[in-house]
Amino acid sequence: MSIDTGDLTDKTYEAIMIEAERFDHNLTLQFGLLSYECQDEANFIKKANKLIKEMLTYDEVDMDDMFFGEPPVKKEFHIALNKILTNISEL
């Protein structure tokens, strides 16, 4: 069984999904796809945390793929990811 982002509590949805959307819709898509691999909200939060830490290691090729040929400035991407990590730590 998997969850949909609509199954998340408002607090978690805002901390991860809304914050990702503020940065770029393509970042939001990554978390939307991730939700289909999760059994519940706690699992989603854990996997989102792990995914962000992985994204922080992305090189230009990875970012180009993730953002469909229009990658953001790496520093700004890292700022957005760290903001989501901070939000997760406050959940």
N, C-alpha and C. Protein backbone atom coordinates (compact mmCIF):
# COMPACT_ATOMS: atom_id res chain seq x y z
N MET A 1 0.84 -1.19 0.00
CA MET A 1 0.00 0.00 0.00
C MET A 1 0.89 1.25 0.00
N SER A 2 0.50 2.22 -0.78
CA SER A 2 1.25 3.47 -0.83
C SER A 2 0.33 4.64 -0.48
N ILE A 3 0.95 5.76 -0.17
CA ILE A 3 0.17 6.95 0.14
C ILE A 3 0.24 7.93 -1.03
N ASP A 4 -0.64 8.87 -1.00
CA ASP A 4 -0.65 9.98 -1.94
C ASP A 4 -0.33 11.23 -1.12
N THR A 5 0.22 12.24 -1.74
CA THR A 5 0.54 13.45 -0.97
C THR A 5 -0.70 14.06 -0.33
N GLY A 6 -1.86 13.79 -0.88
CA GLY A 6 -3.11 14.28 -0.29
C GLY A 6 -3.43 13.62 1.03
N ASP A 7 -2.74 12.50 1.33
CA ASP A 7 -2.94 11.80 2.59
C ASP A 7 -2.10 12.38 3.72
N LEU A 8 -1.19 13.28 3.39
CA LEU A 8 -0.32 13.87 4.41
C LEU A 8 -1.08 14.87 5.27
N THR A 9 -0.64 15.03 6.51
CA THR A 9 -1.24 16.06 7.35
C THR A 9 -0.88 17.42 6.76
N ASP A 10 -1.65 18.42 7.10
CA ASP A 10 -1.39 19.77 6.59
C ASP A 10 0.02 20.23 6.95
N LYS A 11 0.45 19.93 8.16
CA LYS A 11 1.77 20.36 8.63
C LYS A 11 2.89 19.75 7.78
N THR A 12 2.80 18.46 7.51
CA THR A 12 3.82 17.79 6.70
C THR A 12 3.73 18.25 5.25
N TYR A 13 2.52 18.39 4.75
CA TYR A 13 2.34 18.84 3.36
C TYR A 13 2.98 20.21 3.16
N GLU A 14 2.74 21.10 4.10
CA GLU A 14 3.32 22.44 3.98
C GLU A 14 4.84 22.41 4.13
N ALA A 15 5.33 21.63 5.08
CA ALA A 15 6.77 21.57 5.36
C ALA A 15 7.58 21.07 4.17
N ILE A 16 7.01 20.12 3.42
CA ILE A 16 7.74 19.51 2.32
C ILE A 16 7.21 19.94 0.96
N MET A 17 5.94 19.67 0.70
CA MET A 17 5.39 19.90 -0.64
C MET A 17 5.28 21.39 -0.98
N ILE A 18 4.74 22.17 -0.08
CA ILE A 18 4.57 23.60 -0.36
C ILE A 18 5.93 24.28 -0.46
N GLU A 19 6.83 23.90 0.45
CA GLU A 19 8.18 24.49 0.41
C GLU A 19 8.89 24.13 -0.89
N ALA A 20 8.74 22.89 -1.34
CA ALA A 20 9.34 22.48 -2.61
C ALA A 20 8.73 23.26 -3.77
N GLU A 21 7.43 23.45 -3.73
CA GLU A 21 6.74 24.18 -4.81
C GLU A 21 7.17 25.64 -4.86
N ARG A 22 7.46 26.21 -3.70
CA ARG A 22 7.94 27.60 -3.68
C ARG A 22 9.23 27.73 -4.48
N PHE A 23 10.02 26.66 -4.49
CA PHE A 23 11.27 26.69 -5.23
C PHE A 23 11.07 26.37 -6.70
N ASP A 24 10.46 25.22 -6.99
CA ASP A 24 10.29 24.81 -8.39
C ASP A 24 9.33 23.62 -8.44
N HIS A 25 8.44 23.64 -9.40
CA HIS A 25 7.47 22.55 -9.54
C HIS A 25 8.15 21.20 -9.75
N ASN A 26 9.28 21.20 -10.42
CA ASN A 26 9.98 19.93 -10.66
C ASN A 26 10.52 19.32 -9.37
N LEU A 27 10.83 20.13 -8.40
CA LEU A 27 11.23 19.60 -7.10
C LEU A 27 10.03 18.97 -6.41
N THR A 28 8.90 19.61 -6.51
CA THR A 28 7.67 19.07 -5.92
C THR A 28 7.35 17.71 -6.52
N LEU A 29 7.55 17.57 -7.82
CA LEU A 29 7.29 16.29 -8.49
C LEU A 29 8.09 15.15 -7.87
N GLN A 30 9.32 15.43 -7.48
CA GLN A 30 10.17 14.38 -6.89
C GLN A 30 9.55 13.83 -5.60
N PHE A 31 9.00 14.72 -4.79
CA PHE A 31 8.37 14.28 -3.55
C PHE A 31 7.02 13.61 -3.81
N GLY A 32 6.33 14.06 -4.84
CA GLY A 32 5.09 13.40 -5.23
C GLY A 32 5.35 11.96 -5.65
N LEU A 33 6.37 11.76 -6.45
CA LEU A 33 6.73 10.40 -6.87
C LEU A 33 7.18 9.56 -5.68
N LEU A 34 7.90 10.17 -4.78
CA LEU A 34 8.38 9.47 -3.60
C LEU A 34 7.23 8.94 -2.76
N SER A 35 6.14 9.67 -2.69
CA SER A 35 5.01 9.25 -1.85
C SER A 35 4.46 7.89 -2.25
N TYR A 36 4.58 7.55 -3.53
CA TYR A 36 4.06 6.26 -3.99
C TYR A 36 4.90 5.08 -3.50
N GLU A 37 6.08 5.37 -2.95
CA GLU A 37 6.96 4.33 -2.41
C GLU A 37 6.81 4.21 -0.89
N CYS A 38 5.89 4.98 -0.31
CA CYS A 38 5.79 5.06 1.14
C CYS A 38 4.49 4.44 1.65
N GLN A 39 4.60 3.81 2.82
CA GLN A 39 3.44 3.15 3.42
C GLN A 39 2.59 4.11 4.27
N ASP A 40 3.25 5.12 4.84
CA ASP A 40 2.54 6.06 5.70
C ASP A 40 3.33 7.38 5.77
N GLU A 41 2.79 8.32 6.51
CA GLU A 41 3.42 9.64 6.59
C GLU A 41 4.81 9.58 7.21
N ALA A 42 4.96 8.80 8.27
CA ALA A 42 6.28 8.70 8.92
C ALA A 42 7.32 8.16 7.95
N ASN A 43 6.93 7.18 7.14
CA ASN A 43 7.83 6.61 6.14
C ASN A 43 8.16 7.65 5.06
N PHE A 44 7.17 8.45 4.69
CA PHE A 44 7.38 9.51 3.70
C PHE A 44 8.39 10.54 4.22
N ILE A 45 8.23 10.94 5.46
CA ILE A 45 9.14 11.92 6.04
C ILE A 45 10.57 11.37 6.07
N LYS A 46 10.71 10.13 6.49
CA LYS A 46 12.02 9.48 6.55
C LYS A 46 12.66 9.42 5.16
N LYS A 47 11.87 9.00 4.17
CA LYS A 47 12.41 8.87 2.81
C LYS A 47 12.66 10.24 2.18
N ALA A 48 11.85 11.23 2.51
CA ALA A 48 12.07 12.59 1.99
C ALA A 48 13.39 13.13 2.52
N ASN A 49 13.65 12.90 3.79
CA ASN A 49 14.90 13.32 4.40
C ASN A 49 16.09 12.68 3.68
N LYS A 50 15.99 11.39 3.43
CA LYS A 50 17.05 10.65 2.73
C LYS A 50 17.22 11.17 1.30
N LEU A 51 16.11 11.41 0.60
CA LEU A 51 16.16 11.91 -0.77
C LEU A 51 16.83 13.29 -0.83
N ILE A 52 16.51 14.15 0.10
CA ILE A 52 17.11 15.49 0.11
C ILE A 52 18.62 15.38 0.30
N LYS A 53 19.04 14.53 1.21
CA LYS A 53 20.48 14.36 1.44
C LYS A 53 21.17 13.83 0.18
N GLU A 54 20.47 12.99 -0.57
CA GLU A 54 21.01 12.51 -1.84
C GLU A 54 21.06 13.66 -2.86
N MET A 55 19.99 14.46 -2.92
CA MET A 55 19.94 15.58 -3.87
C MET A 55 21.06 16.59 -3.61
N LEU A 56 21.45 16.73 -2.35
CA LEU A 56 22.53 17.66 -2.02
C LEU A 56 23.87 17.25 -2.63
N THR A 57 23.96 16.00 -3.09
CA THR A 57 25.19 15.51 -3.73
C THR A 57 25.10 15.56 -5.25
N TYR A 58 23.96 15.98 -5.79
CA TYR A 58 23.78 15.98 -7.24
C TYR A 58 24.79 16.88 -7.93
N ASP A 59 25.29 16.40 -9.06
CA ASP A 59 26.15 17.23 -9.90
C ASP A 59 25.28 17.90 -10.96
N GLU A 60 25.91 18.62 -11.86
CA GLU A 60 25.17 19.37 -12.88
C GLU A 60 24.34 18.46 -13.78
N VAL A 61 24.86 17.27 -14.10
CA VAL A 61 24.12 16.33 -14.96
C VAL A 61 22.86 15.86 -14.26
N ASP A 62 22.99 15.49 -12.98
CA ASP A 62 21.82 15.05 -12.21
C ASP A 62 20.77 16.15 -12.13
N MET A 63 21.23 17.36 -11.88
CA MET A 63 20.30 18.49 -11.77
C MET A 63 19.65 18.78 -13.12
N ASP A 64 20.41 18.68 -14.19
CA ASP A 64 19.87 18.89 -15.53
C ASP A 64 18.75 17.88 -15.81
N ASP A 65 18.99 16.63 -15.43
CA ASP A 65 17.97 15.58 -15.62
C ASP A 65 16.73 15.86 -14.78
N MET A 66 16.95 16.19 -13.52
CA MET A 66 15.83 16.40 -12.60
C MET A 66 14.96 17.58 -13.00
N PHE A 67 15.59 18.62 -13.55
CA PHE A 67 14.86 19.84 -13.91
C PHE A 67 14.64 19.93 -15.42
N PHE A 68 14.67 18.80 -16.09
CA PHE A 68 14.32 18.70 -17.51
C PHE A 68 15.04 19.72 -18.38
N GLY A 69 16.36 19.81 -18.17
CA GLY A 69 17.17 20.67 -19.02
C GLY A 69 17.21 22.13 -18.60
N GLU A 70 16.56 22.47 -17.50
CA GLU A 70 16.57 23.85 -17.01
C GLU A 70 16.92 23.86 -15.53
N PRO A 71 18.16 23.44 -15.21
CA PRO A 71 18.53 23.35 -13.80
C PRO A 71 18.64 24.73 -13.14
N PRO A 72 18.32 24.79 -11.86
CA PRO A 72 18.46 26.04 -11.12
C PRO A 72 19.92 26.27 -10.75
N VAL A 73 20.19 27.41 -10.17
CA VAL A 73 21.52 27.68 -9.62
C VAL A 73 21.72 26.72 -8.44
N LYS A 74 22.84 26.02 -8.46
CA LYS A 74 23.08 24.98 -7.45
C LYS A 74 22.98 25.53 -6.03
N LYS A 75 23.53 26.70 -5.77
CA LYS A 75 23.49 27.29 -4.43
C LYS A 75 22.04 27.51 -3.99
N GLU A 76 21.19 28.01 -4.88
CA GLU A 76 19.78 28.25 -4.55
C GLU A 76 19.05 26.93 -4.31
N PHE A 77 19.39 25.91 -5.10
CA PHE A 77 18.82 24.57 -4.93
C PHE A 77 19.16 24.05 -3.53
N HIS A 78 20.41 24.20 -3.12
CA HIS A 78 20.84 23.74 -1.81
C HIS A 78 20.15 24.50 -0.69
N ILE A 79 19.96 25.79 -0.88
CA ILE A 79 19.24 26.60 0.13
C ILE A 79 17.81 26.07 0.29
N ALA A 80 17.14 25.79 -0.82
CA ALA A 80 15.77 25.27 -0.77
C ALA A 80 15.74 23.90 -0.09
N LEU A 81 16.68 23.03 -0.44
CA LEU A 81 16.72 21.70 0.17
C LEU A 81 16.98 21.79 1.68
N ASN A 82 17.88 22.66 2.06
CA ASN A 82 18.17 22.81 3.49
C ASN A 82 16.99 23.40 4.25
N LYS A 83 16.21 24.24 3.61
CA LYS A 83 14.99 24.78 4.23
C LYS A 83 14.00 23.65 4.48
N ILE A 84 13.86 22.75 3.51
CA ILE A 84 12.95 21.60 3.68
C ILE A 84 13.47 20.70 4.79
N LEU A 85 14.78 20.47 4.86
CA LEU A 85 15.36 19.66 5.94
C LEU A 85 15.05 20.28 7.30
N THR A 86 15.17 21.60 7.39
CA THR A 86 14.85 22.31 8.63
C THR A 86 13.38 22.10 8.98
N ASN A 87 12.52 22.24 7.97
CA ASN A 87 11.08 22.02 8.20
C ASN A 87 10.81 20.61 8.70
N ILE A 88 11.49 19.63 8.10
CA ILE A 88 11.30 18.23 8.51
C ILE A 88 11.73 18.05 9.97
N SER A 89 12.83 18.66 10.34
CA SER A 89 13.34 18.51 11.72
C SER A 89 12.36 19.12 12.73
N GLU A 90 11.52 20.03 12.27
CA GLU A 90 10.54 20.68 13.17
C GLU A 90 9.20 19.95 13.21
N LEU A 91 9.06 18.92 12.40
CA LEU A 91 7.78 18.17 12.41
C LEU A 91 7.62 17.33 13.66
